Structure formats: structure tokens, C-alpha cells
Amino acid sequence: MIAVSEKEILLLNSGKNFKSLLEIIESVPSRKRGTSIETQERDKNFRDVLMHLYEWHVMLERWYREGMSGDIPFMPAPGYKWSSIKLLNMQIWENYQNVTLNQAIKKLMLSHERIMDLIKSHTNEEIMTKKYYKWTKTSNLYSYFAANTTNHYIWAIKKCEVIAKSI
């Protein structure tokens, strides 16, 4: 039996969950996919969920780029602390209200591919070893990659299932 690395499992799960997310959206008739639902929650339609994922991909890419160039990236974003994550997520929501669902899908597909390429560019050891890179502090690359791909996609799947059922 061939051992499968954590990197390979991350890539497989990220791909599977990303595909499942898109399938939920595709299960809704195209003329209804842009519909917003009545909810007290921040994300009211598929576009909102997809752009949230997209922006977190972009932030991860910035952290990675800055970290790999020797800087310590400001996380989660300039002007925000982890304790103010709700404010950051609301700002993300506000920033993308003029984006269409088709634009959101294209942007997210491209950012997903870029993140998958980043993961592929590393060895399993580089991804799994804590403190391997100075910028990840006491953590490892895996925690950053998983949080912004497979784990975030699971969150998005749940949100989109609610939206799809409500439309």
C-alpha cells in the first residue's frame, strides 16, 4: 500500500470540496443563481460566499509572498487584528457588492488554482514542519493552506446549501 502524504490529502480534499461547492451553485437554475435570500447573516447569495473565499485566498497569497521574501506579514490584513475579524469580513462583503456571480466564479476559480499551485510547489516536509518558515511563527504552512482551502470550502458548502434550499 502506498502512503499518501498530508500534502496530497490537502490537495485532494481541497479539490473535492471546491468541486462540491461549484456543484451546489450549478444545481440551481442559472436564472435564479443571483438571488439573495432573507437572512440576518452577512452572506445573502452565492456571490457573497465566493467573494469571501476569494478575498481570503488573496490575503493568503499576500502573507505567503511577504513571508517568503523575509518579511513578517501583517495578519489578517492591514488595519485589522484577529480579534476584529468580523469587521474585516464585513468590509470584504461591502467591497464586492458590485461583482456579478459570473465574475465571482471566475475570480475564485483562478485564485483556487493559484493556491493549489503554491501547495504543489512545496514538499510535504516544508508544508508540515512547524516553524519551517519564520513567518509562520510556531505553526506550519499546512495550517494556513488548509484554513484557506479545504476547511473554508466546507464552511462555504454549508452556506451555499442553505442559499440553494432557500431559493
N, C-alpha and C. Protein backbone atom coordinates (compact mmCIF):
# COMPACT_ATOMS: atom_id res chain seq x y z
N MET A 1 0.84 -1.19 0.00
CA MET A 1 0.00 0.00 0.00
C MET A 1 0.88 1.25 0.00
N ILE A 2 0.55 2.20 -0.82
CA ILE A 2 1.32 3.43 -0.94
C ILE A 2 0.82 4.44 0.08
N ALA A 3 1.76 5.00 0.83
CA ALA A 3 1.40 6.03 1.82
C ALA A 3 1.09 7.34 1.09
N VAL A 4 0.02 7.98 1.52
CA VAL A 4 -0.36 9.27 0.94
C VAL A 4 0.05 10.36 1.92
N SER A 5 0.73 11.37 1.41
CA SER A 5 1.22 12.45 2.28
C SER A 5 0.10 13.41 2.65
N GLU A 6 0.34 14.15 3.71
CA GLU A 6 -0.63 15.18 4.13
C GLU A 6 -0.82 16.21 3.01
N LYS A 7 0.24 16.51 2.29
CA LYS A 7 0.15 17.45 1.15
C LYS A 7 -0.83 16.91 0.11
N GLU A 8 -0.69 15.63 -0.23
CA GLU A 8 -1.57 15.03 -1.23
C GLU A 8 -3.03 15.00 -0.74
N ILE A 9 -3.21 14.71 0.53
CA ILE A 9 -4.56 14.70 1.11
C ILE A 9 -5.16 16.10 1.07
N LEU A 10 -4.34 17.11 1.40
CA LEU A 10 -4.80 18.50 1.34
C LEU A 10 -5.23 18.87 -0.07
N LEU A 11 -4.42 18.51 -1.06
CA LEU A 11 -4.76 18.81 -2.45
C LEU A 11 -6.04 18.09 -2.87
N LEU A 12 -6.15 16.81 -2.51
CA LEU A 12 -7.34 16.03 -2.87
C LEU A 12 -8.60 16.59 -2.22
N ASN A 13 -8.54 16.85 -0.92
CA ASN A 13 -9.71 17.38 -0.21
C ASN A 13 -10.08 18.77 -0.68
N SER A 14 -9.08 19.60 -0.94
CA SER A 14 -9.37 20.95 -1.44
C SER A 14 -10.05 20.87 -2.79
N GLY A 15 -9.55 20.03 -3.67
CA GLY A 15 -10.16 19.87 -4.99
C GLY A 15 -11.57 19.32 -4.90
N LYS A 16 -11.76 18.32 -4.06
CA LYS A 16 -13.09 17.69 -3.88
C LYS A 16 -14.09 18.69 -3.32
N ASN A 17 -13.69 19.42 -2.28
CA ASN A 17 -14.61 20.38 -1.66
C ASN A 17 -14.90 21.55 -2.58
N PHE A 18 -13.90 22.00 -3.33
CA PHE A 18 -14.11 23.09 -4.28
C PHE A 18 -15.11 22.66 -5.35
N LYS A 19 -14.94 21.45 -5.85
CA LYS A 19 -15.87 20.92 -6.86
C LYS A 19 -17.28 20.82 -6.29
N SER A 20 -17.41 20.32 -5.07
CA SER A 20 -18.73 20.21 -4.43
C SER A 20 -19.40 21.57 -4.29
N LEU A 21 -18.61 22.57 -3.93
CA LEU A 21 -19.14 23.93 -3.80
C LEU A 21 -19.72 24.42 -5.12
N LEU A 22 -18.97 24.25 -6.19
CA LEU A 22 -19.45 24.69 -7.50
C LEU A 22 -20.67 23.89 -7.95
N GLU A 23 -20.72 22.62 -7.61
CA GLU A 23 -21.87 21.78 -7.98
C GLU A 23 -23.15 22.24 -7.30
N ILE A 24 -23.04 22.72 -6.07
CA ILE A 24 -24.22 23.24 -5.36
C ILE A 24 -24.77 24.44 -6.13
N ILE A 25 -23.89 25.33 -6.53
CA ILE A 25 -24.32 26.52 -7.27
C ILE A 25 -24.92 26.11 -8.61
N GLU A 26 -24.28 25.17 -9.30
CA GLU A 26 -24.77 24.71 -10.60
C GLU A 26 -26.09 23.95 -10.50
N SER A 27 -26.43 23.46 -9.30
CA SER A 27 -27.69 22.74 -9.12
C SER A 27 -28.90 23.67 -9.15
N VAL A 28 -28.64 24.96 -8.99
CA VAL A 28 -29.71 25.97 -9.02
C VAL A 28 -29.85 26.46 -10.47
N PRO A 29 -31.08 26.58 -10.97
CA PRO A 29 -31.25 27.09 -12.33
C PRO A 29 -30.51 28.42 -12.51
N SER A 30 -29.84 28.58 -13.65
CA SER A 30 -28.97 29.74 -13.86
C SER A 30 -29.69 31.07 -13.65
N ARG A 31 -30.95 31.16 -14.01
CA ARG A 31 -31.68 32.42 -13.85
C ARG A 31 -31.92 32.78 -12.39
N LYS A 32 -31.78 31.80 -11.47
CA LYS A 32 -32.03 32.05 -10.05
C LYS A 32 -30.75 32.15 -9.22
N ARG A 33 -29.60 31.89 -9.83
CA ARG A 33 -28.34 31.83 -9.07
C ARG A 33 -27.92 33.15 -8.43
N GLY A 34 -28.40 34.26 -8.96
CA GLY A 34 -28.05 35.56 -8.40
C GLY A 34 -28.98 36.02 -7.29
N THR A 35 -29.97 35.21 -6.98
CA THR A 35 -30.97 35.57 -5.98
C THR A 35 -30.37 35.68 -4.58
N SER A 36 -30.78 36.72 -3.87
CA SER A 36 -30.38 36.87 -2.46
C SER A 36 -31.50 36.35 -1.58
N ILE A 37 -31.13 35.74 -0.47
CA ILE A 37 -32.12 35.21 0.46
C ILE A 37 -32.30 36.17 1.63
N GLU A 38 -33.43 36.03 2.31
CA GLU A 38 -33.70 36.81 3.52
C GLU A 38 -32.96 36.14 4.67
N THR A 39 -32.00 36.83 5.24
CA THR A 39 -31.24 36.28 6.37
C THR A 39 -30.61 37.42 7.15
N GLN A 40 -30.41 37.19 8.42
CA GLN A 40 -29.71 38.17 9.26
C GLN A 40 -28.20 38.03 9.11
N GLU A 41 -27.76 36.97 8.44
CA GLU A 41 -26.33 36.73 8.27
C GLU A 41 -25.76 37.61 7.17
N ARG A 42 -24.44 37.72 7.18
CA ARG A 42 -23.73 38.59 6.24
C ARG A 42 -23.92 38.14 4.78
N ASP A 43 -23.75 36.86 4.53
CA ASP A 43 -23.76 36.35 3.16
C ASP A 43 -25.17 35.97 2.73
N LYS A 44 -25.68 36.70 1.75
CA LYS A 44 -27.07 36.55 1.33
C LYS A 44 -27.24 35.87 -0.02
N ASN A 45 -26.14 35.63 -0.71
CA ASN A 45 -26.21 34.98 -2.02
C ASN A 45 -24.88 34.28 -2.31
N PHE A 46 -24.87 33.52 -3.40
CA PHE A 46 -23.66 32.77 -3.77
C PHE A 46 -22.46 33.70 -3.97
N ARG A 47 -22.68 34.83 -4.61
CA ARG A 47 -21.60 35.78 -4.87
C ARG A 47 -20.92 36.19 -3.57
N ASP A 48 -21.70 36.48 -2.54
CA ASP A 48 -21.13 36.89 -1.26
C ASP A 48 -20.18 35.83 -0.71
N VAL A 49 -20.60 34.58 -0.78
CA VAL A 49 -19.78 33.48 -0.25
C VAL A 49 -18.51 33.32 -1.08
N LEU A 50 -18.66 33.34 -2.39
CA LEU A 50 -17.50 33.15 -3.27
C LEU A 50 -16.48 34.27 -3.16
N MET A 51 -16.95 35.50 -3.04
CA MET A 51 -16.02 36.61 -2.92
C MET A 51 -15.32 36.62 -1.56
N HIS A 52 -15.99 36.11 -0.54
CA HIS A 52 -15.36 35.94 0.77
C HIS A 52 -14.18 34.97 0.63
N LEU A 53 -14.42 33.84 -0.01
CA LEU A 53 -13.35 32.87 -0.23
C LEU A 53 -12.21 33.48 -1.05
N TYR A 54 -12.60 34.18 -2.12
CA TYR A 54 -11.61 34.80 -3.00
C TYR A 54 -10.71 35.75 -2.21
N GLU A 55 -11.30 36.61 -1.43
CA GLU A 55 -10.51 37.61 -0.69
C GLU A 55 -9.58 36.94 0.31
N TRP A 56 -10.02 35.87 0.93
CA TRP A 56 -9.14 35.14 1.85
C TRP A 56 -8.00 34.45 1.09
N HIS A 57 -8.25 34.00 -0.14
CA HIS A 57 -7.16 33.49 -0.98
C HIS A 57 -6.15 34.60 -1.24
N VAL A 58 -6.64 35.77 -1.59
CA VAL A 58 -5.75 36.91 -1.89
C VAL A 58 -4.93 37.28 -0.65
N MET A 59 -5.56 37.27 0.52
CA MET A 59 -4.82 37.57 1.75
C MET A 59 -3.74 36.51 1.99
N LEU A 60 -4.09 35.24 1.80
CA LEU A 60 -3.11 34.17 1.96
C LEU A 60 -1.94 34.37 1.00
N GLU A 61 -2.24 34.73 -0.23
CA GLU A 61 -1.17 34.96 -1.21
C GLU A 61 -0.26 36.10 -0.76
N ARG A 62 -0.84 37.14 -0.18
CA ARG A 62 -0.03 38.25 0.33
C ARG A 62 0.83 37.80 1.49
N TRP A 63 0.24 37.09 2.44
CA TRP A 63 1.01 36.58 3.59
C TRP A 63 2.18 35.75 3.10
N TYR A 64 1.90 34.87 2.15
CA TYR A 64 2.90 33.96 1.62
C TYR A 64 4.02 34.75 0.92
N ARG A 65 3.64 35.65 0.04
CA ARG A 65 4.61 36.45 -0.71
C ARG A 65 5.50 37.25 0.22
N GLU A 66 4.89 37.94 1.17
CA GLU A 66 5.65 38.75 2.11
C GLU A 66 6.51 37.87 3.01
N GLY A 67 5.95 36.78 3.48
CA GLY A 67 6.69 35.88 4.36
C GLY A 67 7.88 35.24 3.67
N MET A 68 7.68 34.78 2.45
CA MET A 68 8.76 34.13 1.72
C MET A 68 9.85 35.11 1.29
N SER A 69 9.52 36.40 1.25
CA SER A 69 10.55 37.39 0.90
C SER A 69 11.30 37.88 2.14
N GLY A 70 10.97 37.30 3.30
CA GLY A 70 11.71 37.63 4.52
C GLY A 70 11.01 38.58 5.46
N ASP A 71 9.85 39.08 5.05
CA ASP A 71 9.09 39.97 5.93
C ASP A 71 8.16 39.15 6.82
N ILE A 72 7.67 39.78 7.86
CA ILE A 72 6.62 39.17 8.69
C ILE A 72 5.32 39.84 8.26
N PRO A 73 4.45 39.10 7.57
CA PRO A 73 3.21 39.70 7.06
C PRO A 73 2.28 40.15 8.18
N PHE A 74 1.56 41.24 7.92
CA PHE A 74 0.55 41.70 8.87
C PHE A 74 -0.69 40.86 8.64
N MET A 75 -1.11 40.16 9.67
CA MET A 75 -2.27 39.29 9.54
C MET A 75 -3.35 39.70 10.53
N PRO A 76 -4.60 39.61 10.12
CA PRO A 76 -5.05 39.10 8.84
C PRO A 76 -4.92 40.11 7.70
N ALA A 77 -5.08 41.41 8.00
CA ALA A 77 -4.95 42.44 6.96
C ALA A 77 -4.56 43.74 7.64
N PRO A 78 -3.91 44.62 6.89
CA PRO A 78 -3.55 45.93 7.48
C PRO A 78 -4.78 46.62 8.08
N GLY A 79 -4.62 47.09 9.31
CA GLY A 79 -5.72 47.78 9.98
C GLY A 79 -6.65 46.86 10.77
N TYR A 80 -6.41 45.55 10.69
CA TYR A 80 -7.28 44.59 11.37
C TYR A 80 -6.43 43.63 12.21
N LYS A 81 -7.02 43.21 13.32
CA LYS A 81 -6.42 42.17 14.16
C LYS A 81 -7.35 40.96 14.09
N TRP A 82 -6.85 39.82 14.55
CA TRP A 82 -7.70 38.62 14.54
C TRP A 82 -8.94 38.85 15.39
N SER A 83 -8.83 39.70 16.40
CA SER A 83 -9.98 39.98 17.26
C SER A 83 -11.05 40.82 16.55
N SER A 84 -10.68 41.45 15.43
CA SER A 84 -11.65 42.26 14.68
C SER A 84 -12.01 41.61 13.35
N ILE A 85 -11.97 40.28 13.32
CA ILE A 85 -12.23 39.54 12.09
C ILE A 85 -13.62 39.79 11.53
N LYS A 86 -14.62 39.99 12.40
CA LYS A 86 -15.98 40.26 11.90
C LYS A 86 -16.02 41.56 11.11
N LEU A 87 -15.29 42.57 11.58
CA LEU A 87 -15.23 43.84 10.86
C LEU A 87 -14.54 43.67 9.51
N LEU A 88 -13.46 42.91 9.49
CA LEU A 88 -12.76 42.64 8.23
C LEU A 88 -13.67 41.92 7.26
N ASN A 89 -14.36 40.89 7.73
CA ASN A 89 -15.25 40.14 6.84
C ASN A 89 -16.40 41.00 6.34
N MET A 90 -16.87 41.93 7.14
CA MET A 90 -17.92 42.85 6.68
C MET A 90 -17.37 43.80 5.62
N GLN A 91 -16.14 44.25 5.80
CA GLN A 91 -15.51 45.12 4.80
C GLN A 91 -15.34 44.37 3.48
N ILE A 92 -14.95 43.11 3.56
CA ILE A 92 -14.83 42.28 2.35
C ILE A 92 -16.19 42.21 1.66
N TRP A 93 -17.25 41.94 2.43
CA TRP A 93 -18.60 41.85 1.87
C TRP A 93 -18.96 43.15 1.15
N GLU A 94 -18.71 44.29 1.80
CA GLU A 94 -19.04 45.59 1.20
C GLU A 94 -18.24 45.84 -0.08
N ASN A 95 -16.99 45.41 -0.10
CA ASN A 95 -16.12 45.67 -1.26
C ASN A 95 -16.57 44.97 -2.54
N TYR A 96 -17.35 43.92 -2.42
CA TYR A 96 -17.67 43.11 -3.60
C TYR A 96 -19.15 43.11 -3.98
N GLN A 97 -19.90 44.08 -3.52
CA GLN A 97 -21.32 44.11 -3.82
C GLN A 97 -21.64 44.42 -5.28
N ASN A 98 -20.68 44.95 -6.02
CA ASN A 98 -20.92 45.26 -7.43
C ASN A 98 -20.36 44.21 -8.38
N VAL A 99 -19.92 43.09 -7.85
CA VAL A 99 -19.38 41.99 -8.66
C VAL A 99 -20.53 41.05 -9.02
N THR A 100 -20.55 40.58 -10.26
CA THR A 100 -21.58 39.61 -10.66
C THR A 100 -21.18 38.21 -10.20
N LEU A 101 -22.13 37.30 -10.18
CA LEU A 101 -21.83 35.93 -9.81
C LEU A 101 -20.84 35.32 -10.78
N ASN A 102 -21.01 35.56 -12.07
CA ASN A 102 -20.08 35.01 -13.06
C ASN A 102 -18.66 35.53 -12.84
N GLN A 103 -18.52 36.81 -12.54
CA GLN A 103 -17.21 37.36 -12.23
C GLN A 103 -16.63 36.70 -10.98
N ALA A 104 -17.49 36.50 -9.97
CA ALA A 104 -17.06 35.88 -8.72
C ALA A 104 -16.56 34.46 -8.96
N ILE A 105 -17.27 33.71 -9.77
CA ILE A 105 -16.86 32.33 -10.06
C ILE A 105 -15.51 32.33 -10.75
N LYS A 106 -15.34 33.19 -11.74
CA LYS A 106 -14.06 33.25 -12.48
C LYS A 106 -12.91 33.64 -11.56
N LYS A 107 -13.12 34.67 -10.73
CA LYS A 107 -12.08 35.12 -9.81
C LYS A 107 -11.70 34.01 -8.83
N LEU A 108 -12.71 33.33 -8.30
CA LEU A 108 -12.44 32.28 -7.32
C LEU A 108 -11.75 31.09 -7.98
N MET A 109 -12.16 30.72 -9.16
CA MET A 109 -11.51 29.60 -9.85
C MET A 109 -10.02 29.88 -10.06
N LEU A 110 -9.71 31.10 -10.47
CA LEU A 110 -8.31 31.48 -10.69
C LEU A 110 -7.52 31.51 -9.39
N SER A 111 -8.10 32.07 -8.33
CA SER A 111 -7.38 32.14 -7.06
C SER A 111 -7.20 30.74 -6.46
N HIS A 112 -8.20 29.89 -6.63
CA HIS A 112 -8.09 28.49 -6.16
C HIS A 112 -6.91 27.81 -6.85
N GLU A 113 -6.81 27.98 -8.16
CA GLU A 113 -5.70 27.36 -8.90
C GLU A 113 -4.35 27.90 -8.45
N ARG A 114 -4.28 29.20 -8.18
CA ARG A 114 -3.01 29.77 -7.71
C ARG A 114 -2.60 29.18 -6.36
N ILE A 115 -3.58 29.01 -5.46
CA ILE A 115 -3.28 28.43 -4.15
C ILE A 115 -2.88 26.97 -4.30
N MET A 116 -3.56 26.22 -5.16
CA MET A 116 -3.19 24.82 -5.38
C MET A 116 -1.76 24.74 -5.92
N ASP A 117 -1.40 25.66 -6.81
CA ASP A 117 -0.03 25.69 -7.35
C ASP A 117 0.99 25.99 -6.25
N LEU A 118 0.63 26.88 -5.32
CA LEU A 118 1.53 27.16 -4.19
C LEU A 118 1.75 25.90 -3.36
N ILE A 119 0.67 25.20 -3.08
CA ILE A 119 0.78 23.97 -2.29
C ILE A 119 1.66 22.96 -3.02
N LYS A 120 1.41 22.79 -4.33
CA LYS A 120 2.18 21.83 -5.13
C LYS A 120 3.66 22.17 -5.17
N SER A 121 4.00 23.46 -5.02
CA SER A 121 5.40 23.88 -5.15
C SER A 121 6.24 23.52 -3.92
N HIS A 122 5.61 22.99 -2.88
CA HIS A 122 6.32 22.66 -1.64
C HIS A 122 6.36 21.16 -1.42
N THR A 123 7.38 20.72 -0.70
CA THR A 123 7.45 19.33 -0.28
C THR A 123 6.52 19.13 0.91
N ASN A 124 6.21 17.89 1.19
CA ASN A 124 5.38 17.59 2.36
C ASN A 124 6.08 18.10 3.63
N GLU A 125 7.39 17.93 3.70
CA GLU A 125 8.14 18.39 4.88
C GLU A 125 8.00 19.90 5.06
N GLU A 126 8.13 20.66 3.99
CA GLU A 126 8.00 22.12 4.07
C GLU A 126 6.62 22.54 4.53
N ILE A 127 5.60 21.79 4.11
CA ILE A 127 4.22 22.12 4.47
C ILE A 127 3.90 21.72 5.90
N MET A 128 4.42 20.58 6.35
CA MET A 128 4.01 20.03 7.64
C MET A 128 4.89 20.41 8.83
N THR A 129 6.13 20.81 8.59
CA THR A 129 7.05 21.08 9.69
C THR A 129 6.75 22.44 10.32
N LYS A 130 6.45 22.42 11.61
CA LYS A 130 6.21 23.67 12.34
C LYS A 130 7.51 24.47 12.39
N LYS A 131 7.37 25.79 12.28
CA LYS A 131 8.50 26.73 12.32
C LYS A 131 9.48 26.56 11.16
N TYR A 132 9.08 25.83 10.11
CA TYR A 132 9.96 25.65 8.95
C TYR A 132 10.27 26.99 8.31
N TYR A 133 9.24 27.84 8.26
CA TYR A 133 9.40 29.21 7.76
C TYR A 133 9.18 30.17 8.91
N LYS A 134 10.04 31.14 9.00
CA LYS A 134 9.99 32.09 10.12
C LYS A 134 8.63 32.80 10.21
N TRP A 135 8.07 33.15 9.08
CA TRP A 135 6.83 33.93 9.07
C TRP A 135 5.62 33.15 9.59
N THR A 136 5.68 31.83 9.61
CA THR A 136 4.55 31.05 10.14
C THR A 136 4.63 30.91 11.66
N LYS A 137 5.64 31.51 12.25
CA LYS A 137 5.86 31.52 13.70
C LYS A 137 5.86 30.10 14.24
N THR A 138 5.00 29.76 15.18
CA THR A 138 5.02 28.42 15.79
C THR A 138 4.21 27.41 14.98
N SER A 139 3.62 27.82 13.88
CA SER A 139 2.75 26.97 13.08
C SER A 139 3.49 26.41 11.86
N ASN A 140 2.73 25.87 10.93
CA ASN A 140 3.29 25.36 9.68
C ASN A 140 2.47 25.89 8.51
N LEU A 141 2.99 25.69 7.30
CA LEU A 141 2.25 26.13 6.12
C LEU A 141 0.91 25.43 5.99
N TYR A 142 0.88 24.17 6.41
CA TYR A 142 -0.37 23.40 6.31
C TYR A 142 -1.53 24.15 6.96
N SER A 143 -1.31 24.69 8.14
CA SER A 143 -2.41 25.35 8.86
C SER A 143 -2.95 26.54 8.05
N TYR A 144 -2.08 27.26 7.37
CA TYR A 144 -2.52 28.40 6.55
C TYR A 144 -3.24 27.91 5.29
N PHE A 145 -2.64 26.92 4.63
CA PHE A 145 -3.25 26.40 3.41
C PHE A 145 -4.60 25.74 3.68
N ALA A 146 -4.68 24.89 4.70
CA ALA A 146 -5.92 24.18 5.00
C ALA A 146 -7.03 25.13 5.42
N ALA A 147 -6.68 26.13 6.23
CA ALA A 147 -7.69 27.08 6.71
C ALA A 147 -8.30 27.87 5.56
N ASN A 148 -7.53 28.12 4.51
CA ASN A 148 -7.99 28.95 3.40
C ASN A 148 -8.40 28.15 2.17
N THR A 149 -8.39 26.84 2.29
CA THR A 149 -8.86 26.00 1.18
C THR A 149 -9.90 25.02 1.71
N THR A 150 -9.51 23.79 1.95
CA THR A 150 -10.48 22.73 2.27
C THR A 150 -11.40 23.07 3.44
N ASN A 151 -10.85 23.61 4.52
CA ASN A 151 -11.70 23.94 5.68
C ASN A 151 -12.65 25.10 5.37
N HIS A 152 -12.16 26.10 4.65
CA HIS A 152 -13.00 27.23 4.28
C HIS A 152 -14.07 26.80 3.27
N TYR A 153 -13.71 25.86 2.40
CA TYR A 153 -14.68 25.36 1.42
C TYR A 153 -15.82 24.61 2.12
N ILE A 154 -15.51 23.89 3.20
CA ILE A 154 -16.56 23.20 3.96
C ILE A 154 -17.55 24.23 4.52
N TRP A 155 -17.03 25.32 5.07
CA TRP A 155 -17.88 26.41 5.55
C TRP A 155 -18.75 26.93 4.41
N ALA A 156 -18.14 27.17 3.25
CA ALA A 156 -18.86 27.73 2.10
C ALA A 156 -19.92 26.77 1.57
N ILE A 157 -19.62 25.48 1.58
CA ILE A 157 -20.59 24.47 1.14
C ILE A 157 -21.85 24.57 2.01
N LYS A 158 -21.66 24.65 3.31
CA LYS A 158 -22.81 24.75 4.23
C LYS A 158 -23.62 26.01 3.95
N LYS A 159 -22.93 27.14 3.75
CA LYS A 159 -23.63 28.40 3.44
C LYS A 159 -24.40 28.28 2.13
N CYS A 160 -23.76 27.73 1.11
CA CYS A 160 -24.40 27.64 -0.20
C CYS A 160 -25.53 26.64 -0.23
N GLU A 161 -25.46 25.60 0.59
CA GLU A 161 -26.57 24.65 0.67
C GLU A 161 -27.81 25.36 1.23
N VAL A 162 -27.63 26.20 2.23
CA VAL A 162 -28.75 26.98 2.81
C VAL A 162 -29.32 27.91 1.74
N ILE A 163 -28.45 28.60 1.02
CA ILE A 163 -28.90 29.54 0.00
C ILE A 163 -29.66 28.77 -1.10
N ALA A 164 -29.09 27.66 -1.56
CA ALA A 164 -29.73 26.87 -2.64
C ALA A 164 -31.11 26.37 -2.22
N LYS A 165 -31.23 25.92 -0.99
CA LYS A 165 -32.53 25.42 -0.50
C LYS A 165 -33.55 26.54 -0.35
N SER A 166 -33.06 27.74 -0.07
CA SER A 166 -33.96 28.88 0.15
C SER A 166 -34.44 29.54 -1.14
N ILE A 167 -33.72 29.30 -2.22
CA ILE A 167 -34.07 29.96 -3.50
C ILE A 167 -35.27 29.25 -4.13
